[in-house]
């Protein structure tokens, strides 16, 4: 349930997040224009930055919170129907495409296959022993007599 807020988010972080999301929305909106898309995006990005800079020295916390709320409302009203996503980011086209193979698969290699990479497997055996030693030191050996 990643949508649940589990930490307090400072006002400065909320402003930074709003600014970054607004820039991403501008990028989504103006990436469709083939000829002048980048120029239009840069112009709108500079205007957005000017709007944020105009209110950066606001001391009244109530007014600054209202500005963030109004900014979020304005951004959501102009939300792009198909926002851009980075390919390997959650929601992107290539997210989670490369499966992570468990390390235990290397234990199933035939000795002849392991002989092709002697340095790697020698180092791997040392690291496996060290890992098991740390595990036993931290959690015990697993025998019923050791636990009591």
C-alpha atoms as a PDB file:
ATOM      1  CA  UNK A   1       0.000   0.000   0.000  1.00  0.00           C
ATOM      2  CA  UNK A   2       2.498   2.572  -1.220  1.00  0.00           C
ATOM      3  CA  UNK A   3      -0.182   5.246  -1.503  1.00  0.00           C
ATOM      4  CA  UNK A   4      -0.424   5.587   2.280  1.00  0.00           C
ATOM      5  CA  UNK A   5       1.574   8.463   3.718  1.00  0.00           C
ATOM      6  CA  UNK A   6       3.854   7.070   6.421  1.00  0.00           C
ATOM      7  CA  UNK A   7       6.014  10.124   7.115  1.00  0.00           C
ATOM      8  CA  UNK A   8       5.600  13.850   7.586  1.00  0.00           C
ATOM      9  CA  UNK A   9       6.543  15.781   4.498  1.00  0.00           C
ATOM     10  CA  UNK A  10       8.031  19.224   5.061  1.00  0.00           C
ATOM     11  CA  UNK A  11       6.646  22.253   3.276  1.00  0.00           C
ATOM     12  CA  UNK A  12       9.897  22.726   1.350  1.00  0.00           C
ATOM     13  CA  UNK A  13       9.722  19.150   0.082  1.00  0.00           C
ATOM     14  CA  UNK A  14       6.084  19.603  -0.929  1.00  0.00           C
ATOM     15  CA  UNK A  15       7.038  22.695  -2.937  1.00  0.00           C
ATOM     16  CA  UNK A  16       9.949  20.876  -4.605  1.00  0.00           C
ATOM     17  CA  UNK A  17       7.731  17.902  -5.444  1.00  0.00           C
ATOM     18  CA  UNK A  18       5.051  20.168  -6.875  1.00  0.00           C
ATOM     19  CA  UNK A  19       7.636  21.979  -9.019  1.00  0.00           C
ATOM     20  CA  UNK A  20       9.102  18.719 -10.325  1.00  0.00           C
ATOM     21  CA  UNK A  21       5.673  17.246 -11.093  1.00  0.00           C
ATOM     22  CA  UNK A  22       4.630  20.449 -12.864  1.00  0.00           C
ATOM     23  CA  UNK A  23       7.797  20.338 -14.993  1.00  0.00           C
ATOM     24  CA  UNK A  24       7.087  16.712 -15.909  1.00  0.00           C
ATOM     25  CA  UNK A  25       3.545  17.656 -16.900  1.00  0.00           C
ATOM     26  CA  UNK A  26       4.872  20.465 -19.094  1.00  0.00           C
ATOM     27  CA  UNK A  27       7.294  18.028 -20.682  1.00  0.00           C
ATOM     28  CA  UNK A  28       4.435  15.616 -21.402  1.00  0.00           C
ATOM     29  CA  UNK A  29       2.301  18.382 -22.842  1.00  0.00           C
ATOM     30  CA  UNK A  30       4.909  19.876 -25.168  1.00  0.00           C
ATOM     31  CA  UNK A  31       6.712  16.708 -26.254  1.00  0.00           C
ATOM     32  CA  UNK A  32       3.968  16.100 -28.827  1.00  0.00           C
ATOM     33  CA  UNK A  33       4.934  19.176 -30.862  1.00  0.00           C
ATOM     34  CA  UNK A  34       7.394  18.003 -33.482  1.00  0.00           C
ATOM     35  CA  UNK A  35       8.926  21.261 -34.642  1.00  0.00           C
ATOM     36  CA  UNK A  36       8.882  23.663 -31.689  1.00  0.00           C
ATOM     37  CA  UNK A  37       8.117  21.363 -28.771  1.00  0.00           C
ATOM     38  CA  UNK A  38      11.397  21.891 -26.955  1.00  0.00           C
ATOM     39  CA  UNK A  39      11.224  25.665 -27.356  1.00  0.00           C
ATOM     40  CA  UNK A  40       7.635  25.782 -26.074  1.00  0.00           C
ATOM     41  CA  UNK A  41       8.574  23.549 -23.144  1.00  0.00           C
ATOM     42  CA  UNK A  42      11.572  25.728 -22.187  1.00  0.00           C
ATOM     43  CA  UNK A  43       9.470  28.900 -22.361  1.00  0.00           C
ATOM     44  CA  UNK A  44       6.759  27.392 -20.156  1.00  0.00           C
ATOM     45  CA  UNK A  45       9.395  25.994 -17.768  1.00  0.00           C
ATOM     46  CA  UNK A  46      10.951  29.458 -17.365  1.00  0.00           C
ATOM     47  CA  UNK A  47       7.489  30.941 -16.736  1.00  0.00           C
ATOM     48  CA  UNK A  48       6.783  28.249 -14.150  1.00  0.00           C
ATOM     49  CA  UNK A  49      10.099  28.922 -12.424  1.00  0.00           C
ATOM     50  CA  UNK A  50       9.334  32.652 -12.351  1.00  0.00           C
ATOM     51  CA  UNK A  51       5.966  31.896 -10.749  1.00  0.00           C
ATOM     52  CA  UNK A  52       7.650  29.790  -8.054  1.00  0.00           C
ATOM     53  CA  UNK A  53      10.405  32.377  -7.501  1.00  0.00           C
ATOM     54  CA  UNK A  54       7.802  35.106  -7.105  1.00  0.00           C
ATOM     55  CA  UNK A  55       6.520  33.427  -3.937  1.00  0.00           C
ATOM     56  CA  UNK A  56       9.711  31.868  -2.576  1.00  0.00           C
ATOM     57  CA  UNK A  57      10.181  34.419   0.221  1.00  0.00           C
ATOM     58  CA  UNK A  58       6.639  34.098   1.591  1.00  0.00           C
ATOM     59  CA  UNK A  59       6.828  34.110   5.410  1.00  0.00           C
ATOM     60  CA  UNK A  60       3.156  33.452   6.176  1.00  0.00           C
ATOM     61  CA  UNK A  61       2.837  29.665   6.463  1.00  0.00           C
ATOM     62  CA  UNK A  62      -0.933  29.715   5.945  1.00  0.00           C
ATOM     63  CA  UNK A  63      -0.569  31.660   2.704  1.00  0.00           C
ATOM     64  CA  UNK A  64       2.321  29.457   1.516  1.00  0.00           C
ATOM     65  CA  UNK A  65       0.315  26.292   2.190  1.00  0.00           C
ATOM     66  CA  UNK A  66      -2.571  27.791   0.243  1.00  0.00           C
ATOM     67  CA  UNK A  67      -0.193  28.572  -2.623  1.00  0.00           C
ATOM     68  CA  UNK A  68       0.935  24.915  -2.710  1.00  0.00           C
ATOM     69  CA  UNK A  69      -2.688  23.750  -2.607  1.00  0.00           C
ATOM     70  CA  UNK A  70      -3.647  26.151  -5.418  1.00  0.00           C
ATOM     71  CA  UNK A  71      -0.611  25.090  -7.439  1.00  0.00           C
ATOM     72  CA  UNK A  72      -1.525  21.417  -7.094  1.00  0.00           C
ATOM     73  CA  UNK A  73      -5.122  22.192  -8.109  1.00  0.00           C
ATOM     74  CA  UNK A  74      -3.899  24.168 -11.136  1.00  0.00           C
ATOM     75  CA  UNK A  75      -1.547  21.349 -12.134  1.00  0.00           C
ATOM     76  CA  UNK A  76      -4.227  18.674 -11.785  1.00  0.00           C
ATOM     77  CA  UNK A  77      -6.667  20.761 -13.837  1.00  0.00           C
ATOM     78  CA  UNK A  78      -4.137  20.836 -16.702  1.00  0.00           C
ATOM     79  CA  UNK A  79      -3.102  17.179 -16.258  1.00  0.00           C
ATOM     80  CA  UNK A  80      -1.885  15.491 -19.428  1.00  0.00           C
ATOM     81  CA  UNK A  81      -3.896  12.426 -20.422  1.00  0.00           C
ATOM     82  CA  UNK A  82      -0.792  10.355 -21.181  1.00  0.00           C
ATOM     83  CA  UNK A  83       2.077  11.571 -18.998  1.00  0.00           C
ATOM     84  CA  UNK A  84       5.632  10.695 -19.992  1.00  0.00           C
ATOM     85  CA  UNK A  85       7.288   7.959 -17.959  1.00  0.00           C
ATOM     86  CA  UNK A  86      10.906   6.898 -17.937  1.00  0.00           C
ATOM     87  CA  UNK A  87      11.223   3.448 -19.464  1.00  0.00           C
ATOM     88  CA  UNK A  88      12.609   1.673 -16.393  1.00  0.00           C
ATOM     89  CA  UNK A  89      10.590   3.652 -13.821  1.00  0.00           C
ATOM     90  CA  UNK A  90       7.430   2.147 -12.277  1.00  0.00           C
ATOM     91  CA  UNK A  91       4.726   2.491 -14.897  1.00  0.00           C
ATOM     92  CA  UNK A  92       7.277   2.722 -17.709  1.00  0.00           C
ATOM     93  CA  UNK A  93       7.279   0.433 -20.722  1.00  0.00           C
ATOM     94  CA  UNK A  94      10.391  -1.507 -19.694  1.00  0.00           C
ATOM     95  CA  UNK A  95       9.788  -1.580 -15.924  1.00  0.00           C
ATOM     96  CA  UNK A  96      10.615  -4.961 -14.379  1.00  0.00           C
ATOM     97  CA  UNK A  97      11.271  -6.584 -17.766  1.00  0.00           C
ATOM     98  CA  UNK A  98      14.636  -8.043 -16.858  1.00  0.00           C
ATOM     99  CA  UNK A  99      14.054 -10.783 -14.298  1.00  0.00           C
ATOM    100  CA  UNK A 100      16.600 -10.980 -11.499  1.00  0.00           C
ATOM    101  CA  UNK A 101      18.026 -14.481 -11.361  1.00  0.00           C
ATOM    102  CA  UNK A 102      18.559 -15.897  -7.881  1.00  0.00           C
ATOM    103  CA  UNK A 103      22.171 -16.477  -6.906  1.00  0.00           C
ATOM    104  CA  UNK A 104      21.404 -20.104  -6.019  1.00  0.00           C
ATOM    105  CA  UNK A 105      21.212 -20.930  -9.740  1.00  0.00           C
ATOM    106  CA  UNK A 106      25.012 -20.699  -9.869  1.00  0.00           C
ATOM    107  CA  UNK A 107      25.194 -23.577  -7.371  1.00  0.00           C
ATOM    108  CA  UNK A 108      23.560 -25.798  -9.991  1.00  0.00           C
ATOM    109  CA  UNK A 109      26.279 -25.247 -12.575  1.00  0.00           C
ATOM    110  CA  UNK A 110      28.254 -28.300 -13.606  1.00  0.00           C
ATOM    111  CA  UNK A 111      31.888 -28.357 -12.363  1.00  0.00           C
ATOM    112  CA  UNK A 112      33.077 -28.072 -15.966  1.00  0.00           C
ATOM    113  CA  UNK A 113      31.079 -24.859 -16.372  1.00  0.00           C
ATOM    114  CA  UNK A 114      32.495 -23.507 -13.107  1.00  0.00           C
ATOM    115  CA  UNK A 115      36.009 -24.358 -14.313  1.00  0.00           C
ATOM    116  CA  UNK A 116      35.607 -21.756 -17.069  1.00  0.00           C
ATOM    117  CA  UNK A 117      35.463 -18.994 -14.401  1.00  0.00           C
ATOM    118  CA  UNK A 118      37.812 -20.168 -11.606  1.00  0.00           C
ATOM    119  CA  UNK A 119      38.535 -16.729 -10.101  1.00  0.00           C
ATOM    120  CA  UNK A 120      34.868 -15.784  -9.887  1.00  0.00           C
ATOM    121  CA  UNK A 121      33.778 -19.026  -8.244  1.00  0.00           C
ATOM    122  CA  UNK A 122      36.737 -19.027  -5.818  1.00  0.00           C
ATOM    123  CA  UNK A 123      35.777 -15.500  -4.684  1.00  0.00           C
ATOM    124  CA  UNK A 124      32.110 -16.510  -4.566  1.00  0.00           C
ATOM    125  CA  UNK A 125      32.864 -19.498  -2.316  1.00  0.00           C
ATOM    126  CA  UNK A 126      34.797 -17.263   0.085  1.00  0.00           C
ATOM    127  CA  UNK A 127      31.948 -14.758   0.202  1.00  0.00           C
ATOM    128  CA  UNK A 128      29.376 -17.496   0.728  1.00  0.00           C
ATOM    129  CA  UNK A 129      31.381 -18.853   3.696  1.00  0.00           C
ATOM    130  CA  UNK A 130      31.687 -15.351   5.157  1.00  0.00           C
ATOM    131  CA  UNK A 131      27.951 -14.810   4.743  1.00  0.00           C
ATOM    132  CA  UNK A 132      27.138 -18.112   6.481  1.00  0.00           C
ATOM    133  CA  UNK A 133      29.538 -17.271   9.329  1.00  0.00           C
ATOM    134  CA  UNK A 134      27.898 -13.850   9.817  1.00  0.00           C
ATOM    135  CA  UNK A 135      24.464 -15.475   9.740  1.00  0.00           C
ATOM    136  CA  UNK A 136      25.414 -18.071  12.348  1.00  0.00           C
ATOM    137  CA  UNK A 137      27.035 -15.405  14.517  1.00  0.00           C
ATOM    138  CA  UNK A 138      23.953 -13.201  14.363  1.00  0.00           C
ATOM    139  CA  UNK A 139      21.100 -15.746  14.424  1.00  0.00           C
ATOM    140  CA  UNK A 140      22.663 -18.960  15.670  1.00  0.00           C
ATOM    141  CA  UNK A 141      23.299 -22.268  13.986  1.00  0.00           C
ATOM    142  CA  UNK A 142      19.711 -23.423  13.764  1.00  0.00           C
ATOM    143  CA  UNK A 143      20.040 -26.496  16.015  1.00  0.00           C
ATOM    144  CA  UNK A 144      17.480 -26.878  18.802  1.00  0.00           C
ATOM    145  CA  UNK A 145      20.272 -27.382  21.377  1.00  0.00           C
ATOM    146  CA  UNK A 146      22.016 -24.112  20.411  1.00  0.00           C
ATOM    147  CA  UNK A 147      18.823 -22.061  20.761  1.00  0.00           C
ATOM    148  CA  UNK A 148      18.125 -23.020  24.374  1.00  0.00           C
END
